[in-house]
Amino acid sequence: NSCACGLVEVWFAFPDWAYKPESSPGSRQIQLWHFILELLQKEEYQGVIAWQGDYGEFVIKDPDEVARLWGIRKCKPHMNYDKLSRALRYYYNKRILHKTKGKRFTYKFNFSKVVLVNYPILDMANSPFFLAQNHFNGEIAEHSFTLILY
């Protein structure tokens, strides 16, 4: 879709690999960014972590609880937010996510980088992850995000 101003609306859908179920074999190997996406997609954690503001931005509402959940998932009972936030900083240089300046416990994903990090050979223009509005291989994506292309 495009409007008179020339902006194009495109929907971005995460592929199945981005939502590996927690009961799957090898789930202990999950990366922190993926675990955060998992929490963000589950309604029961909206009081703990939630999408907010700009495309890809999220806020950790209860840092201690997110750290506790991450510790359970990784079998690390002494996990705390200080350790978790150090792990998040690892993703800054990889440009997977960054801290939102001036907003406490707020981060923003670079979704195109998340795909590129995991599939570096992808031709993003022809990728099935960038699709016409409302369609994902014939289905509406469970989690769609709007990108504005200039």
C-alpha atoms as a PDB file:
ATOM      1  CA  ASN A   1       0.000   0.000   0.000  1.00  0.00           C
ATOM      2  CA  SER A   2       1.153   3.541  -0.624  1.00  0.00           C
ATOM      3  CA  CYS A   3      -0.371   6.917   0.048  1.00  0.00           C
ATOM      4  CA  ALA A   4      -0.216  10.267  -1.739  1.00  0.00           C
ATOM      5  CA  CYS A   5       2.842  11.251   0.299  1.00  0.00           C
ATOM      6  CA  GLY A   6       4.846   8.376  -1.232  1.00  0.00           C
ATOM      7  CA  LEU A   7       5.154   6.275   1.921  1.00  0.00           C
ATOM      8  CA  VAL A   8       4.814   2.543   1.446  1.00  0.00           C
ATOM      9  CA  GLU A   9       3.332   0.298   4.101  1.00  0.00           C
ATOM     10  CA  VAL A  10       4.909  -3.141   4.330  1.00  0.00           C
ATOM     11  CA  TRP A  11       4.232  -5.870   6.867  1.00  0.00           C
ATOM     12  CA  PHE A  12       7.077  -7.750   8.476  1.00  0.00           C
ATOM     13  CA  ALA A  13       6.448 -11.192   9.919  1.00  0.00           C
ATOM     14  CA  PHE A  14       8.911 -13.276  11.859  1.00  0.00           C
ATOM     15  CA  PRO A  15       9.577 -16.699  10.381  1.00  0.00           C
ATOM     16  CA  ASP A  16       8.852 -19.833  12.416  1.00  0.00           C
ATOM     17  CA  TRP A  17      12.487 -20.159  13.541  1.00  0.00           C
ATOM     18  CA  ALA A  18      12.113 -16.940  15.564  1.00  0.00           C
ATOM     19  CA  TYR A  19       9.472 -18.520  17.767  1.00  0.00           C
ATOM     20  CA  LYS A  20      10.985 -21.834  18.837  1.00  0.00           C
ATOM     21  CA  PRO A  21       8.695 -23.296  21.529  1.00  0.00           C
ATOM     22  CA  GLU A  22      10.191 -23.503  24.998  1.00  0.00           C
ATOM     23  CA  SER A  23       9.605 -27.265  25.143  1.00  0.00           C
ATOM     24  CA  SER A  24      11.580 -27.962  21.965  1.00  0.00           C
ATOM     25  CA  PRO A  25      14.803 -29.987  22.110  1.00  0.00           C
ATOM     26  CA  GLY A  26      17.812 -27.782  22.718  1.00  0.00           C
ATOM     27  CA  SER A  27      15.681 -24.946  24.059  1.00  0.00           C
ATOM     28  CA  ARG A  28      18.319 -24.304  26.725  1.00  0.00           C
ATOM     29  CA  GLN A  29      20.454 -22.958  23.855  1.00  0.00           C
ATOM     30  CA  ILE A  30      18.017 -20.103  23.263  1.00  0.00           C
ATOM     31  CA  GLN A  31      19.498 -16.655  22.774  1.00  0.00           C
ATOM     32  CA  LEU A  32      18.377 -13.814  25.027  1.00  0.00           C
ATOM     33  CA  TRP A  33      16.930 -11.711  22.177  1.00  0.00           C
ATOM     34  CA  HIS A  34      14.788 -14.680  21.154  1.00  0.00           C
ATOM     35  CA  PHE A  35      13.649 -15.274  24.735  1.00  0.00           C
ATOM     36  CA  ILE A  36      12.587 -11.616  24.949  1.00  0.00           C
ATOM     37  CA  LEU A  37      10.547 -12.011  21.752  1.00  0.00           C
ATOM     38  CA  GLU A  38       8.925 -15.071  23.305  1.00  0.00           C
ATOM     39  CA  LEU A  39       7.899 -13.097  26.392  1.00  0.00           C
ATOM     40  CA  LEU A  40       6.647 -10.199  24.270  1.00  0.00           C
ATOM     41  CA  GLN A  41       4.343 -12.445  22.258  1.00  0.00           C
ATOM     42  CA  LYS A  42       2.697 -13.978  25.355  1.00  0.00           C
ATOM     43  CA  GLU A  43      -0.191 -12.024  26.807  1.00  0.00           C
ATOM     44  CA  GLU A  44       0.425 -13.301  30.347  1.00  0.00           C
ATOM     45  CA  TYR A  45       3.738 -11.389  30.493  1.00  0.00           C
ATOM     46  CA  GLN A  46       2.376  -7.960  29.512  1.00  0.00           C
ATOM     47  CA  GLY A  47       2.759  -6.805  33.122  1.00  0.00           C
ATOM     48  CA  VAL A  48       6.424  -7.829  32.987  1.00  0.00           C
ATOM     49  CA  ILE A  49       7.513  -6.780  29.477  1.00  0.00           C
ATOM     50  CA  ALA A  50       5.550  -5.133  26.668  1.00  0.00           C
ATOM     51  CA  TRP A  51       5.780  -3.445  23.279  1.00  0.00           C
ATOM     52  CA  GLN A  52       5.608   0.341  23.456  1.00  0.00           C
ATOM     53  CA  GLY A  53       6.211   3.424  21.373  1.00  0.00           C
ATOM     54  CA  ASP A  54       8.030   3.080  18.079  1.00  0.00           C
ATOM     55  CA  TYR A  55       8.233   0.008  15.871  1.00  0.00           C
ATOM     56  CA  GLY A  56      10.303  -2.614  17.682  1.00  0.00           C
ATOM     57  CA  GLU A  57      10.490  -0.741  20.982  1.00  0.00           C
ATOM     58  CA  PHE A  58       9.727  -2.573  24.213  1.00  0.00           C
ATOM     59  CA  VAL A  59       9.898  -1.804  27.922  1.00  0.00           C
ATOM     60  CA  ILE A  60      10.892  -4.180  30.693  1.00  0.00           C
ATOM     61  CA  LYS A  61       8.295  -3.323  33.336  1.00  0.00           C
ATOM     62  CA  ASP A  62       9.601  -5.764  35.951  1.00  0.00           C
ATOM     63  CA  PRO A  63      13.364  -6.230  35.426  1.00  0.00           C
ATOM     64  CA  ASP A  64      13.759  -8.632  38.348  1.00  0.00           C
ATOM     65  CA  GLU A  65      11.009 -10.904  37.036  1.00  0.00           C
ATOM     66  CA  VAL A  66      12.429 -10.930  33.486  1.00  0.00           C
ATOM     67  CA  ALA A  67      15.832 -11.838  34.955  1.00  0.00           C
ATOM     68  CA  ARG A  68      14.262 -14.564  37.112  1.00  0.00           C
ATOM     69  CA  LEU A  69      12.451 -16.050  34.098  1.00  0.00           C
ATOM     70  CA  TRP A  70      15.663 -15.926  32.041  1.00  0.00           C
ATOM     71  CA  GLY A  71      17.529 -17.646  34.892  1.00  0.00           C
ATOM     72  CA  ILE A  72      14.927 -20.415  35.007  1.00  0.00           C
ATOM     73  CA  ARG A  73      15.124 -20.880  31.243  1.00  0.00           C
ATOM     74  CA  LYS A  74      18.926 -21.062  31.245  1.00  0.00           C
ATOM     75  CA  CYS A  75      19.149 -23.087  34.488  1.00  0.00           C
ATOM     76  CA  LYS A  76      21.019 -20.231  36.175  1.00  0.00           C
ATOM     77  CA  PRO A  77      19.309 -19.625  39.533  1.00  0.00           C
ATOM     78  CA  HIS A  78      21.512 -16.628  40.422  1.00  0.00           C
ATOM     79  CA  MET A  79      20.515 -14.599  37.365  1.00  0.00           C
ATOM     80  CA  ASN A  80      19.685 -10.962  38.107  1.00  0.00           C
ATOM     81  CA  TYR A  81      18.913  -7.886  36.026  1.00  0.00           C
ATOM     82  CA  ASP A  82      22.505  -6.636  36.231  1.00  0.00           C
ATOM     83  CA  LYS A  83      23.735  -9.824  34.534  1.00  0.00           C
ATOM     84  CA  LEU A  84      20.845  -9.823  32.063  1.00  0.00           C
ATOM     85  CA  SER A  85      21.491  -6.198  31.065  1.00  0.00           C
ATOM     86  CA  ARG A  86      25.169  -7.026  30.443  1.00  0.00           C
ATOM     87  CA  ALA A  87      23.997  -9.804  28.134  1.00  0.00           C
ATOM     88  CA  LEU A  88      21.686  -7.351  26.342  1.00  0.00           C
ATOM     89  CA  ARG A  89      24.634  -5.000  25.728  1.00  0.00           C
ATOM     90  CA  TYR A  90      26.289  -7.794  23.725  1.00  0.00           C
ATOM     91  CA  TYR A  91      23.565  -7.234  21.105  1.00  0.00           C
ATOM     92  CA  TYR A  92      24.328  -3.503  20.741  1.00  0.00           C
ATOM     93  CA  ASN A  93      27.488  -4.090  18.673  1.00  0.00           C
ATOM     94  CA  LYS A  94      25.691  -6.706  16.598  1.00  0.00           C
ATOM     95  CA  ARG A  95      22.932  -4.129  16.050  1.00  0.00           C
ATOM     96  CA  ILE A  96      20.230  -6.610  16.979  1.00  0.00           C
ATOM     97  CA  LEU A  97      18.875  -4.185  19.542  1.00  0.00           C
ATOM     98  CA  HIS A  98      19.821  -0.994  21.362  1.00  0.00           C
ATOM     99  CA  LYS A  99      18.908   0.893  24.500  1.00  0.00           C
ATOM    100  CA  THR A 100      16.397   3.699  23.979  1.00  0.00           C
ATOM    101  CA  LYS A 101      18.044   6.879  25.242  1.00  0.00           C
ATOM    102  CA  GLY A 102      16.299   8.635  28.090  1.00  0.00           C
ATOM    103  CA  LYS A 103      13.883   5.772  28.773  1.00  0.00           C
ATOM    104  CA  ARG A 104      14.596   3.448  31.670  1.00  0.00           C
ATOM    105  CA  PHE A 105      14.466  -0.308  30.895  1.00  0.00           C
ATOM    106  CA  THR A 106      13.467   0.456  27.311  1.00  0.00           C
ATOM    107  CA  TYR A 107      15.081  -1.148  24.257  1.00  0.00           C
ATOM    108  CA  LYS A 108      14.426  -1.321  20.562  1.00  0.00           C
ATOM    109  CA  PHE A 109      14.898  -4.233  18.160  1.00  0.00           C
ATOM    110  CA  ASN A 110      16.409  -3.781  14.723  1.00  0.00           C
ATOM    111  CA  PHE A 111      14.244  -6.464  13.132  1.00  0.00           C
ATOM    112  CA  SER A 112      15.988  -6.448   9.753  1.00  0.00           C
ATOM    113  CA  LYS A 113      19.281  -7.116  11.533  1.00  0.00           C
ATOM    114  CA  VAL A 114      17.739 -10.003  13.475  1.00  0.00           C
ATOM    115  CA  VAL A 115      16.896 -11.680  10.171  1.00  0.00           C
ATOM    116  CA  LEU A 116      20.241 -10.782   8.583  1.00  0.00           C
ATOM    117  CA  VAL A 117      22.252 -12.055  11.546  1.00  0.00           C
ATOM    118  CA  ASN A 118      20.588 -15.442  11.253  1.00  0.00           C
ATOM    119  CA  TYR A 119      20.318 -15.589   7.460  1.00  0.00           C
ATOM    120  CA  PRO A 120      23.171 -13.452   6.125  1.00  0.00           C
ATOM    121  CA  ILE A 121      22.690 -14.537   2.492  1.00  0.00           C
ATOM    122  CA  LEU A 122      19.057 -13.412   2.291  1.00  0.00           C
ATOM    123  CA  ASP A 123      18.028 -11.066  -0.453  1.00  0.00           C
ATOM    124  CA  MET A 124      15.741  -8.971   1.742  1.00  0.00           C
ATOM    125  CA  ALA A 125      13.821  -7.437  -1.170  1.00  0.00           C
ATOM    126  CA  ASN A 126      12.694 -10.893  -2.314  1.00  0.00           C
ATOM    127  CA  SER A 127      12.466 -12.407   1.147  1.00  0.00           C
ATOM    128  CA  PRO A 128       9.225 -14.065   2.248  1.00  0.00           C
ATOM    129  CA  PHE A 129       9.606 -12.054   5.470  1.00  0.00           C
ATOM    130  CA  PHE A 130       8.757  -8.779   3.684  1.00  0.00           C
ATOM    131  CA  LEU A 131       5.302  -9.152   2.296  1.00  0.00           C
ATOM    132  CA  ALA A 132       2.288  -7.428   0.894  1.00  0.00           C
ATOM    133  CA  GLN A 133      -0.041  -5.983   3.493  1.00  0.00           C
ATOM    134  CA  ASN A 134      -1.927  -8.568   5.585  1.00  0.00           C
ATOM    135  CA  HIS A 135      -0.442 -11.666   3.930  1.00  0.00           C
ATOM    136  CA  PHE A 136       2.200 -14.133   5.012  1.00  0.00           C
ATOM    137  CA  ASN A 137       2.280 -17.039   2.572  1.00  0.00           C
ATOM    138  CA  GLY A 138      -1.490 -16.718   2.280  1.00  0.00           C
ATOM    139  CA  GLU A 139      -2.076 -16.288   6.009  1.00  0.00           C
ATOM    140  CA  ILE A 140      -2.286 -13.245   8.218  1.00  0.00           C
ATOM    141  CA  ALA A 141       0.789 -13.181  10.410  1.00  0.00           C
ATOM    142  CA  GLU A 142       0.188 -13.590  14.129  1.00  0.00           C
ATOM    143  CA  HIS A 143       2.531 -10.695  14.885  1.00  0.00           C
ATOM    144  CA  SER A 144       2.888  -8.104  12.158  1.00  0.00           C
ATOM    145  CA  PHE A 145       4.774  -4.872  12.461  1.00  0.00           C
ATOM    146  CA  THR A 146       4.501  -1.892  10.170  1.00  0.00           C
ATOM    147  CA  LEU A 147       7.647  -0.600   8.499  1.00  0.00           C
ATOM    148  CA  ILE A 148       7.692   2.760   6.788  1.00  0.00           C
ATOM    149  CA  LEU A 149       9.944   2.794   3.731  1.00  0.00           C
ATOM    150  CA  TYR A 150      10.998   6.174   2.335  1.00  0.00           C
END
